[in-house]
């Protein structure tokens, strides 16, 4: 369901998730992104490099600790927010579910993910 909407923005679903975080917080460390999105740094790093090459974000090392890489959204990345604002509404409408059903489903998925993570 996401693909046609994201194709118009030249984004993959994981890139869209990164942008959702950055649209809310403007910047984040790779470690924080990894935790929020449940993606390992081996997956995130190449994707973030591609996003930086396309001008959507900027990566930089912390002055205090060079091991920490911070990701900051660029103006070009912020401009995509205006074009992507209709995606959640479009998905809800095409799902055939009510917002309450979607909330219940999301709660169930979060519970499942937490249970799986706790049993690793």
Protein backbone atom coordinates (compact mmCIF):
# COMPACT_ATOMS: atom_id res chain seq x y z
CA UNK A 1 0.00 0.00 0.00
CA UNK A 2 2.89 2.35 0.69
CA UNK A 3 4.78 1.65 -2.51
CA UNK A 4 2.85 3.84 -5.01
CA UNK A 5 2.78 6.75 -2.56
CA UNK A 6 6.47 6.47 -1.71
CA UNK A 7 7.51 5.89 -5.32
CA UNK A 8 6.22 9.39 -6.11
CA UNK A 9 8.67 10.70 -3.49
CA UNK A 10 11.53 8.40 -4.59
CA UNK A 11 11.63 6.87 -1.10
CA UNK A 12 11.71 3.35 0.24
CA UNK A 13 9.63 2.42 3.26
CA UNK A 14 12.65 2.36 5.65
CA UNK A 15 13.75 5.79 4.34
CA UNK A 16 10.23 7.09 4.99
CA UNK A 17 10.45 5.79 8.58
CA UNK A 18 13.76 7.62 9.09
CA UNK A 19 12.19 10.82 7.77
CA UNK A 20 9.18 10.42 10.08
CA UNK A 21 11.55 10.44 13.06
CA UNK A 22 13.55 13.39 11.72
CA UNK A 23 10.42 15.39 10.84
CA UNK A 24 9.47 15.16 14.52
CA UNK A 25 12.91 15.69 16.08
CA UNK A 26 15.06 17.36 13.37
CA UNK A 27 18.06 15.31 14.47
CA UNK A 28 18.88 11.97 16.02
CA UNK A 29 21.87 9.76 16.66
CA UNK A 30 22.18 6.58 14.63
CA UNK A 31 21.85 4.65 17.89
CA UNK A 32 18.54 6.38 18.67
CA UNK A 33 17.25 5.76 15.14
CA UNK A 34 18.25 2.12 15.45
CA UNK A 35 16.29 1.75 18.69
CA UNK A 36 13.20 3.65 17.54
CA UNK A 37 12.97 1.87 14.19
CA UNK A 38 14.21 -1.55 15.36
CA UNK A 39 16.85 -1.53 12.61
CA UNK A 40 20.49 -2.43 13.18
CA UNK A 41 23.27 -0.02 12.30
CA UNK A 42 24.41 -2.33 9.48
CA UNK A 43 21.06 -1.71 7.80
CA UNK A 44 20.83 1.97 8.71
CA UNK A 45 24.31 3.15 7.76
CA UNK A 46 24.19 2.40 4.01
CA UNK A 47 20.64 3.71 3.79
CA UNK A 48 21.60 6.94 5.57
CA UNK A 49 24.58 7.35 3.22
CA UNK A 50 22.23 7.12 0.22
CA UNK A 51 19.81 9.57 1.82
CA UNK A 52 22.69 11.97 2.49
CA UNK A 53 23.87 11.64 -1.12
CA UNK A 54 20.38 12.62 -2.28
CA UNK A 55 20.42 15.66 0.02
CA UNK A 56 17.70 14.57 2.48
CA UNK A 57 19.88 14.55 5.58
CA UNK A 58 23.35 15.31 6.84
CA UNK A 59 25.47 13.02 9.00
CA UNK A 60 28.14 14.31 11.36
CA UNK A 61 30.30 12.96 14.16
CA UNK A 62 29.88 14.30 17.68
CA UNK A 63 32.63 16.68 18.79
CA UNK A 64 32.48 15.16 22.29
CA UNK A 65 32.56 11.50 21.23
CA UNK A 66 33.57 10.55 17.67
CA UNK A 67 31.79 7.19 18.03
CA UNK A 68 28.44 9.01 18.00
CA UNK A 69 27.09 9.92 14.56
CA UNK A 70 24.26 12.43 14.47
CA UNK A 71 21.79 12.62 11.60
CA UNK A 72 20.10 15.96 10.88
CA UNK A 73 17.34 16.61 8.35
CA UNK A 74 18.07 19.10 5.58
CA UNK A 75 15.78 21.66 3.97
CA UNK A 76 15.22 19.25 1.08
CA UNK A 77 14.22 16.55 3.58
CA UNK A 78 11.83 18.93 5.29
CA UNK A 79 10.23 19.81 1.95
CA UNK A 80 9.23 16.15 1.50
CA UNK A 81 7.11 16.38 4.66
CA UNK A 82 4.63 18.62 2.84
CA UNK A 83 4.41 16.18 -0.06
CA UNK A 84 4.08 13.15 2.26
CA UNK A 85 1.46 14.54 4.64
CA UNK A 86 -1.38 12.69 2.86
CA UNK A 87 0.20 9.23 3.20
CA UNK A 88 -1.27 8.28 6.62
CA UNK A 89 -4.78 9.38 5.61
CA UNK A 90 -4.57 7.54 2.29
CA UNK A 91 -3.49 4.35 4.04
CA UNK A 92 -6.25 4.51 6.63
CA UNK A 93 -8.85 5.09 3.93
CA UNK A 94 -7.61 2.23 1.77
CA UNK A 95 -7.30 -0.20 4.73
CA UNK A 96 -11.03 -0.44 5.30
CA UNK A 97 -10.41 -0.29 9.06
CA UNK A 98 -11.56 2.31 11.55
CA UNK A 99 -8.99 4.34 13.49
CA UNK A 100 -9.98 2.40 16.62
CA UNK A 101 -9.30 -0.92 14.85
CA UNK A 102 -5.94 0.35 13.63
CA UNK A 103 -5.02 1.52 17.14
CA UNK A 104 -5.96 -1.90 18.55
CA UNK A 105 -3.92 -3.65 15.86
CA UNK A 106 -0.90 -1.40 16.53
CA UNK A 107 -1.14 -2.11 20.28
CA UNK A 108 -1.20 -5.84 19.55
CA UNK A 109 1.81 -5.58 17.24
CA UNK A 110 3.76 -3.55 19.83
CA UNK A 111 2.97 -6.19 22.47
CA UNK A 112 4.14 -8.95 20.13
CA UNK A 113 7.38 -7.12 19.27
CA UNK A 114 8.11 -6.46 22.94
CA UNK A 115 7.48 -10.11 23.80
CA UNK A 116 9.75 -11.33 20.99
CA UNK A 117 12.52 -8.88 21.96
CA UNK A 118 12.33 -9.97 25.60
CA UNK A 119 12.75 -13.62 24.63
CA UNK A 120 15.88 -13.20 22.50
